[in-house]
Structures are given as C-alpha cells and as structure tokens.
Amino acid sequence: MAPSIYKEYDCQFTSESQEINLTLKLKNMIISMQTGIAQVHCFRLLALVILL
C-alpha cells in the first residue's frame, strides 16, 4: 500500500515542479518584454506555447 502512495506523491510533486518551472519561465519572459530585450522572440515563444 505504501509504495503506491509514494508513487502518486512523486507524480504530483513532479507535476508541481514543472508548473513552478513554467511559471518562472513566464516571469522571465515578462521581464524580458518589459525591458525590451528580445521582445519579438518572447512573443514567438509565447505563441508556440499557446499553439502547443
């Protein structure tokens, strides 16, 4: 019983980590756009993310 619970927790933890990483990437993109660095590239990445 215990191993399956740990397995579910690991899966949940992994997905949460991926969400955190995605959030950080989005924050970095927003900062880049605000400072005007690689603005067009950021919009292209955002479009790719939306399309995926």
C-alpha atoms as a PDB file:
ATOM      1  CA  MET A   1       0.000   0.000   0.000  1.00  0.00           C
ATOM      2  CA  ALA A   2       2.752   2.425   0.962  1.00  0.00           C
ATOM      3  CA  PRO A   3       4.749   2.244  -2.317  1.00  0.00           C
ATOM      4  CA  SER A   4       1.718   3.231  -4.402  1.00  0.00           C
ATOM      5  CA  ILE A   5       1.075   6.243  -2.166  1.00  0.00           C
ATOM      6  CA  TYR A   6       4.702   7.320  -2.555  1.00  0.00           C
ATOM      7  CA  LYS A   7       4.437   6.822  -6.300  1.00  0.00           C
ATOM      8  CA  GLU A   8       1.358   9.064  -6.507  1.00  0.00           C
ATOM      9  CA  TYR A   9       3.092  11.675  -4.353  1.00  0.00           C
ATOM     10  CA  ASP A  10       6.163  11.600  -6.603  1.00  0.00           C
ATOM     11  CA  CYS A  11       3.980  12.127  -9.677  1.00  0.00           C
ATOM     12  CA  GLN A  12       2.189  15.022  -8.001  1.00  0.00           C
ATOM     13  CA  PHE A  13       5.476  16.563  -6.871  1.00  0.00           C
ATOM     14  CA  THR A  14       6.907  16.258 -10.386  1.00  0.00           C
ATOM     15  CA  SER A  15       3.902  17.983 -11.968  1.00  0.00           C
ATOM     16  CA  GLU A  16       4.050  20.753  -9.363  1.00  0.00           C
ATOM     17  CA  SER A  17       7.753  21.257 -10.074  1.00  0.00           C
ATOM     18  CA  GLN A  18       7.013  21.520 -13.794  1.00  0.00           C
ATOM     19  CA  GLU A  19       4.309  24.118 -13.084  1.00  0.00           C
ATOM     20  CA  ILE A  20       6.761  26.124 -10.955  1.00  0.00           C
ATOM     21  CA  ASN A  21       9.390  25.945 -13.707  1.00  0.00           C
ATOM     22  CA  LEU A  22       6.827  27.094 -16.290  1.00  0.00           C
ATOM     23  CA  THR A  23       5.767  29.967 -14.028  1.00  0.00           C
ATOM     24  CA  LEU A  24       9.396  31.062 -13.628  1.00  0.00           C
ATOM     25  CA  LYS A  25       9.916  30.895 -17.395  1.00  0.00           C
ATOM     26  CA  LEU A  26       6.810  33.028 -17.963  1.00  0.00           C
ATOM     27  CA  LYS A  27       8.007  35.557 -15.361  1.00  0.00           C
ATOM     28  CA  ASN A  28      11.405  35.723 -17.078  1.00  0.00           C
ATOM     29  CA  MET A  29       9.683  36.251 -20.443  1.00  0.00           C
ATOM     30  CA  ILE A  30       7.569  39.079 -18.999  1.00  0.00           C
ATOM     31  CA  ILE A  31      10.689  40.716 -17.514  1.00  0.00           C
ATOM     32  CA  SER A  32      12.421  40.405 -20.895  1.00  0.00           C
ATOM     33  CA  MET A  33       9.471  42.030 -22.650  1.00  0.00           C
ATOM     34  CA  GLN A  34       9.307  44.850 -20.108  1.00  0.00           C
ATOM     35  CA  THR A  35      12.996  45.650 -20.532  1.00  0.00           C
ATOM     36  CA  GLY A  36      12.654  45.368 -24.303  1.00  0.00           C
ATOM     37  CA  ILE A  37      15.206  42.535 -24.622  1.00  0.00           C
ATOM     38  CA  ALA A  38      14.348  40.002 -27.355  1.00  0.00           C
ATOM     39  CA  GLN A  39      10.753  41.239 -27.361  1.00  0.00           C
ATOM     40  CA  VAL A  40       9.799  39.650 -30.682  1.00  0.00           C
ATOM     41  CA  HIS A  41      11.436  36.368 -29.672  1.00  0.00           C
ATOM     42  CA  CYS A  42       9.395  36.299 -26.450  1.00  0.00           C
ATOM     43  CA  PHE A  43       6.164  36.783 -28.370  1.00  0.00           C
ATOM     44  CA  ARG A  44       7.167  33.947 -30.704  1.00  0.00           C
ATOM     45  CA  LEU A  45       7.834  31.663 -27.721  1.00  0.00           C
ATOM     46  CA  LEU A  46       4.505  32.648 -26.181  1.00  0.00           C
ATOM     47  CA  ALA A  47       2.733  31.865 -29.465  1.00  0.00           C
ATOM     48  CA  LEU A  48       4.463  28.458 -29.585  1.00  0.00           C
ATOM     49  CA  VAL A  49       3.378  27.726 -26.009  1.00  0.00           C
ATOM     50  CA  ILE A  50      -0.230  28.668 -26.839  1.00  0.00           C
ATOM     51  CA  LEU A  51      -0.195  26.533 -30.003  1.00  0.00           C
ATOM     52  CA  LEU A  52       1.166  23.532 -28.083  1.00  0.00           C
END
